[in-house]
C-alpha atoms as a PDB file:
ATOM      1  CA  UNK A   1     172.398 108.249 -85.959  1.00  0.00           C
ATOM      2  CA  UNK A   2     173.781 105.745 -88.335  1.00  0.00           C
ATOM      3  CA  UNK A   3     177.442 106.122 -87.391  1.00  0.00           C
ATOM      4  CA  UNK A   4     179.202 102.983 -86.107  1.00  0.00           C
ATOM      5  CA  UNK A   5     181.626 102.491 -83.351  1.00  0.00           C
ATOM      6  CA  UNK A   6     184.262  99.702 -82.858  1.00  0.00           C
ATOM      7  CA  UNK A   7     185.209  97.961 -79.594  1.00  0.00           C
ATOM      8  CA  UNK A   8     188.755  98.371 -78.471  1.00  0.00           C
ATOM      9  CA  UNK A   9     190.740  97.433 -75.560  1.00  0.00           C
ATOM     10  CA  UNK A  10     191.783 100.498 -73.530  1.00  0.00           C
ATOM     11  CA  UNK A  11     195.509  99.489 -73.540  1.00  0.00           C
ATOM     12  CA  UNK A  12     195.535  99.144 -77.438  1.00  0.00           C
ATOM     13  CA  UNK A  13     193.682 102.391 -78.152  1.00  0.00           C
ATOM     14  CA  UNK A  14     195.753 104.195 -75.588  1.00  0.00           C
ATOM     15  CA  UNK A  15     195.197 105.597 -73.237  1.00  0.00           C
ATOM     16  CA  UNK A  16     195.907 109.075 -74.699  1.00  0.00           C
ATOM     17  CA  UNK A  17     195.023 112.438 -73.008  1.00  0.00           C
ATOM     18  CA  UNK A  18     192.265 112.774 -75.703  1.00  0.00           C
ATOM     19  CA  UNK A  19     190.710 109.235 -74.682  1.00  0.00           C
ATOM     20  CA  UNK A  20     191.153 110.062 -71.302  1.00  0.00           C
ATOM     21  CA  UNK A  21     189.236 113.572 -71.766  1.00  0.00           C
ATOM     22  CA  UNK A  22     186.493 111.648 -73.587  1.00  0.00           C
ATOM     23  CA  UNK A  23     185.923 108.886 -70.973  1.00  0.00           C
ATOM     24  CA  UNK A  24     185.945 111.725 -68.222  1.00  0.00           C
ATOM     25  CA  UNK A  25     183.366 113.515 -69.985  1.00  0.00           C
ATOM     26  CA  UNK A  26     181.210 110.631 -70.500  1.00  0.00           C
ATOM     27  CA  UNK A  27     181.627 109.797 -66.769  1.00  0.00           C
ATOM     28  CA  UNK A  28     180.440 112.945 -65.454  1.00  0.00           C
ATOM     29  CA  UNK A  29     177.677 113.557 -68.030  1.00  0.00           C
ATOM     30  CA  UNK A  30     176.550 109.995 -66.965  1.00  0.00           C
ATOM     31  CA  UNK A  31     176.891 110.457 -63.161  1.00  0.00           C
ATOM     32  CA  UNK A  32     173.784 111.216 -61.040  1.00  0.00           C
ATOM     33  CA  UNK A  33     176.143 113.562 -59.100  1.00  0.00           C
ATOM     34  CA  UNK A  34     176.314 116.727 -61.013  1.00  0.00           C
ATOM     35  CA  UNK A  35     177.814 118.975 -58.603  1.00  0.00           C
ATOM     36  CA  UNK A  36     180.651 119.030 -56.409  1.00  0.00           C
ATOM     37  CA  UNK A  37     181.684 121.381 -53.405  1.00  0.00           C
ATOM     38  CA  UNK A  38     185.158 121.806 -54.668  1.00  0.00           C
ATOM     39  CA  UNK A  39     187.667 120.441 -57.412  1.00  0.00           C
ATOM     40  CA  UNK A  40     189.268 118.033 -54.704  1.00  0.00           C
ATOM     41  CA  UNK A  41     185.890 116.522 -53.985  1.00  0.00           C
ATOM     42  CA  UNK A  42     185.305 116.054 -57.683  1.00  0.00           C
ATOM     43  CA  UNK A  43     188.979 114.425 -58.056  1.00  0.00           C
ATOM     44  CA  UNK A  44     187.990 112.372 -55.246  1.00  0.00           C
ATOM     45  CA  UNK A  45     184.653 111.068 -56.876  1.00  0.00           C
ATOM     46  CA  UNK A  46     186.417 110.416 -59.895  1.00  0.00           C
ATOM     47  CA  UNK A  47     189.121 108.307 -58.408  1.00  0.00           C
ATOM     48  CA  UNK A  48     186.559 106.132 -56.520  1.00  0.00           C
ATOM     49  CA  UNK A  49     184.321 105.486 -59.170  1.00  0.00           C
ATOM     50  CA  UNK A  50     186.626 105.537 -62.341  1.00  0.00           C
ATOM     51  CA  UNK A  51     190.393 106.496 -61.744  1.00  0.00           C
ATOM     52  CA  UNK A  52     191.127 103.334 -59.684  1.00  0.00           C
ATOM     53  CA  UNK A  53     190.120 101.073 -62.386  1.00  0.00           C
ATOM     54  CA  UNK A  54     192.013 103.211 -65.169  1.00  0.00           C
ATOM     55  CA  UNK A  55     195.163 102.841 -63.104  1.00  0.00           C
ATOM     56  CA  UNK A  56     195.031  99.632 -61.475  1.00  0.00           C
ATOM     57  CA  UNK A  57     192.924  97.364 -64.176  1.00  0.00           C
ATOM     58  CA  UNK A  58     193.583  99.045 -67.369  1.00  0.00           C
ATOM     59  CA  UNK A  59     193.843  95.549 -69.030  1.00  0.00           C
ATOM     60  CA  UNK A  60     189.861  95.310 -68.092  1.00  0.00           C
ATOM     61  CA  UNK A  61     188.985  98.552 -69.657  1.00  0.00           C
ATOM     62  CA  UNK A  62     187.009  98.754 -73.122  1.00  0.00           C
ATOM     63  CA  UNK A  63     186.217 101.603 -75.417  1.00  0.00           C
ATOM     64  CA  UNK A  64     183.777 102.214 -77.860  1.00  0.00           C
ATOM     65  CA  UNK A  65     185.352 104.556 -80.568  1.00  0.00           C
ATOM     66  CA  UNK A  66     183.639 106.661 -83.405  1.00  0.00           C
ATOM     67  CA  UNK A  67     185.586 106.236 -86.676  1.00  0.00           C
ATOM     68  CA  UNK A  68     187.202 109.635 -85.975  1.00  0.00           C
ATOM     69  CA  UNK A  69     188.580 108.025 -82.579  1.00  0.00           C
ATOM     70  CA  UNK A  70     186.676 109.753 -80.383  1.00  0.00           C
ATOM     71  CA  UNK A  71     185.182 107.930 -77.435  1.00  0.00           C
ATOM     72  CA  UNK A  72     181.483 107.131 -77.693  1.00  0.00           C
ATOM     73  CA  UNK A  73     181.502 104.691 -74.558  1.00  0.00           C
ATOM     74  CA  UNK A  74     183.607 102.780 -72.186  1.00  0.00           C
ATOM     75  CA  UNK A  75     183.604 100.067 -69.396  1.00  0.00           C
ATOM     76  CA  UNK A  76     186.043  99.719 -66.646  1.00  0.00           C
ATOM     77  CA  UNK A  77     186.233  96.844 -64.322  1.00  0.00           C
ATOM     78  CA  UNK A  78     187.979  94.371 -62.227  1.00  0.00           C
ATOM     79  CA  UNK A  79     187.956  90.818 -61.823  1.00  0.00           C
ATOM     80  CA  UNK A  80     188.974  90.408 -58.206  1.00  0.00           C
ATOM     81  CA  UNK A  81     186.358  90.191 -55.430  1.00  0.00           C
ATOM     82  CA  UNK A  82     185.993  93.691 -54.010  1.00  0.00           C
ATOM     83  CA  UNK A  83     185.154  92.623 -50.666  1.00  0.00           C
ATOM     84  CA  UNK A  84     188.469  90.725 -50.452  1.00  0.00           C
ATOM     85  CA  UNK A  85     190.608  93.532 -52.252  1.00  0.00           C
ATOM     86  CA  UNK A  86     192.118  96.254 -49.831  1.00  0.00           C
ATOM     87  CA  UNK A  87     191.955  98.791 -52.672  1.00  0.00           C
ATOM     88  CA  UNK A  88     188.085  98.670 -52.343  1.00  0.00           C
ATOM     89  CA  UNK A  89     187.838  99.180 -48.614  1.00  0.00           C
ATOM     90  CA  UNK A  90     186.590 102.602 -48.929  1.00  0.00           C
ATOM     91  CA  UNK A  91     183.358 101.411 -50.517  1.00  0.00           C
ATOM     92  CA  UNK A  92     181.340 100.337 -47.446  1.00  0.00           C
ATOM     93  CA  UNK A  93     178.673  98.298 -49.171  1.00  0.00           C
ATOM     94  CA  UNK A  94     181.137  95.875 -50.298  1.00  0.00           C
ATOM     95  CA  UNK A  95     181.518  94.459 -46.935  1.00  0.00           C
ATOM     96  CA  UNK A  96     177.572  93.784 -46.420  1.00  0.00           C
ATOM     97  CA  UNK A  97     177.630  92.062 -49.756  1.00  0.00           C
ATOM     98  CA  UNK A  98     180.698  89.898 -48.986  1.00  0.00           C
ATOM     99  CA  UNK A  99     178.671  86.693 -49.484  1.00  0.00           C
ATOM    100  CA  UNK A 100     177.252  87.794 -52.814  1.00  0.00           C
ATOM    101  CA  UNK A 101     180.692  88.885 -54.202  1.00  0.00           C
ATOM    102  CA  UNK A 102     182.113  85.654 -53.582  1.00  0.00           C
ATOM    103  CA  UNK A 103     179.844  84.187 -56.340  1.00  0.00           C
ATOM    104  CA  UNK A 104     179.892  87.122 -58.599  1.00  0.00           C
ATOM    105  CA  UNK A 105     183.614  88.801 -57.883  1.00  0.00           C
ATOM    106  CA  UNK A 106     184.187  90.549 -61.235  1.00  0.00           C
ATOM    107  CA  UNK A 107     182.380  94.071 -61.348  1.00  0.00           C
ATOM    108  CA  UNK A 108     181.976  96.786 -63.969  1.00  0.00           C
ATOM    109  CA  UNK A 109     181.044 100.304 -64.786  1.00  0.00           C
ATOM    110  CA  UNK A 110     179.864 101.033 -68.206  1.00  0.00           C
ATOM    111  CA  UNK A 111     178.764 104.463 -69.616  1.00  0.00           C
ATOM    112  CA  UNK A 112     177.753 105.303 -73.234  1.00  0.00           C
ATOM    113  CA  UNK A 113     177.449 108.993 -74.305  1.00  0.00           C
ATOM    114  CA  UNK A 114     173.881 110.036 -74.886  1.00  0.00           C
ATOM    115  CA  UNK A 115     174.095 110.178 -78.868  1.00  0.00           C
ATOM    116  CA  UNK A 116     174.952 106.616 -78.824  1.00  0.00           C
ATOM    117  CA  UNK A 117     172.755 104.994 -76.191  1.00  0.00           C
ATOM    118  CA  UNK A 118     170.135 102.206 -77.147  1.00  0.00           C
ATOM    119  CA  UNK A 119     171.962 100.920 -79.923  1.00  0.00           C
ATOM    120  CA  UNK A 120     173.662  98.225 -78.151  1.00  0.00           C
ATOM    121  CA  UNK A 121     176.972  99.663 -77.549  1.00  0.00           C
ATOM    122  CA  UNK A 122     177.029  99.296 -73.762  1.00  0.00           C
ATOM    123  CA  UNK A 123     176.046  95.567 -74.271  1.00  0.00           C
ATOM    124  CA  UNK A 124     179.028  94.963 -76.560  1.00  0.00           C
ATOM    125  CA  UNK A 125     181.263  96.488 -74.104  1.00  0.00           C
ATOM    126  CA  UNK A 126     179.845  94.039 -71.452  1.00  0.00           C
ATOM    127  CA  UNK A 127     180.333  91.176 -73.702  1.00  0.00           C
ATOM    128  CA  UNK A 128     183.835  91.769 -74.267  1.00  0.00           C
ATOM    129  CA  UNK A 129     184.596  92.198 -70.544  1.00  0.00           C
ATOM    130  CA  UNK A 130     182.443  89.253 -69.613  1.00  0.00           C
ATOM    131  CA  UNK A 131     184.451  87.030 -72.135  1.00  0.00           C
ATOM    132  CA  UNK A 132     187.719  88.086 -70.448  1.00  0.00           C
ATOM    133  CA  UNK A 133     186.468  87.397 -66.951  1.00  0.00           C
ATOM    134  CA  UNK A 134     185.194  83.958 -67.791  1.00  0.00           C
ATOM    135  CA  UNK A 135     188.325  83.279 -69.631  1.00  0.00           C
ATOM    136  CA  UNK A 136     190.223  84.180 -66.365  1.00  0.00           C
ATOM    137  CA  UNK A 137     188.022  81.641 -64.331  1.00  0.00           C
ATOM    138  CA  UNK A 138     185.704  84.243 -62.620  1.00  0.00           C
ATOM    139  CA  UNK A 139     182.313  82.548 -61.551  1.00  0.00           C
ATOM    140  CA  UNK A 140     180.311  85.699 -62.110  1.00  0.00           C
ATOM    141  CA  UNK A 141     180.031  89.259 -62.574  1.00  0.00           C
ATOM    142  CA  UNK A 142     178.172  92.014 -60.734  1.00  0.00           C
ATOM    143  CA  UNK A 143     177.174  95.758 -60.601  1.00  0.00           C
ATOM    144  CA  UNK A 144     175.616  97.635 -57.738  1.00  0.00           C
ATOM    145  CA  UNK A 145     173.054 100.207 -58.776  1.00  0.00           C
ATOM    146  CA  UNK A 146     170.100 102.321 -57.227  1.00  0.00           C
ATOM    147  CA  UNK A 147     167.191 100.329 -56.428  1.00  0.00           C
ATOM    148  CA  UNK A 148     164.886 102.849 -58.408  1.00  0.00           C
ATOM    149  CA  UNK A 149     167.517 103.559 -61.351  1.00  0.00           C
ATOM    150  CA  UNK A 150     166.613 103.454 -64.997  1.00  0.00           C
ATOM    151  CA  UNK A 151     169.766 101.411 -65.752  1.00  0.00           C
ATOM    152  CA  UNK A 152     168.211  98.184 -64.145  1.00  0.00           C
ATOM    153  CA  UNK A 153     166.387  97.351 -67.289  1.00  0.00           C
ATOM    154  CA  UNK A 154     169.651  97.608 -69.461  1.00  0.00           C
ATOM    155  CA  UNK A 155     171.380  95.211 -67.052  1.00  0.00           C
ATOM    156  CA  UNK A 156     168.629  92.745 -67.118  1.00  0.00           C
ATOM    157  CA  UNK A 157     168.681  92.833 -70.979  1.00  0.00           C
ATOM    158  CA  UNK A 158     172.256  91.939 -70.581  1.00  0.00           C
ATOM    159  CA  UNK A 159     171.926  88.932 -68.469  1.00  0.00           C
ATOM    160  CA  UNK A 160     172.128  90.407 -64.900  1.00  0.00           C
ATOM    161  CA  UNK A 161     169.523  89.359 -62.202  1.00  0.00           C
ATOM    162  CA  UNK A 162     168.546  91.086 -58.984  1.00  0.00           C
ATOM    163  CA  UNK A 163     170.347  88.928 -56.254  1.00  0.00           C
ATOM    164  CA  UNK A 164     169.869  91.065 -53.128  1.00  0.00           C
ATOM    165  CA  UNK A 165     169.083  94.475 -51.936  1.00  0.00           C
ATOM    166  CA  UNK A 166     171.490  96.321 -49.607  1.00  0.00           C
ATOM    167  CA  UNK A 167     171.725  99.599 -47.475  1.00  0.00           C
ATOM    168  CA  UNK A 168     170.016 100.725 -44.622  1.00  0.00           C
ATOM    169  CA  UNK A 169     166.706 101.042 -46.455  1.00  0.00           C
ATOM    170  CA  UNK A 170     167.312  98.533 -49.435  1.00  0.00           C
ATOM    171  CA  UNK A 171     168.222 101.496 -51.774  1.00  0.00           C
ATOM    172  CA  UNK A 172     171.153  99.448 -53.281  1.00  0.00           C
ATOM    173  CA  UNK A 173     170.517  96.785 -55.912  1.00  0.00           C
ATOM    174  CA  UNK A 174     173.188  94.004 -56.284  1.00  0.00           C
ATOM    175  CA  UNK A 175     172.639  92.437 -59.703  1.00  0.00           C
ATOM    176  CA  UNK A 176     174.750  89.452 -60.885  1.00  0.00           C
ATOM    177  CA  UNK A 177     175.379  87.539 -63.838  1.00  0.00           C
ATOM    178  CA  UNK A 178     176.675  83.796 -63.595  1.00  0.00           C
ATOM    179  CA  UNK A 179     179.545  82.950 -65.903  1.00  0.00           C
END
């Protein structure tokens, strides 16, 4: 696919209903969780991993847009330490990772539509977030993913390294990138 995309700040591009629908489509398509017992459960899942960032931190949202304006990828993130911020208290593993999040407080979620993967778009989105985090004085950025997840190599290529495993059987991997 030769179609190019351009990177924009979420706040500069919208957010419009079309953009939000595009983000949602990529979010659910990229998620490991594919079925939900009810619409309220699906909505809670979206809020936990996407919605809170769109509402509380839209200044750290970035979009990869096709020339048509359709969303090809997105990144949402936060600069504050999630182990210290009350709004992340429902994500239990952050408490266990408190020492690591002090060194790598900024965190992100990045997803790209399948037709646009393996073209450097995710890395470009990360570069924009990292530049802002660094400019604001963050010492590092992290992601938490499954220990066997195929996205680990993507994060490694983008400067993240394994810092620690977490969870009852080490099923979570904390990857950090010093700034």
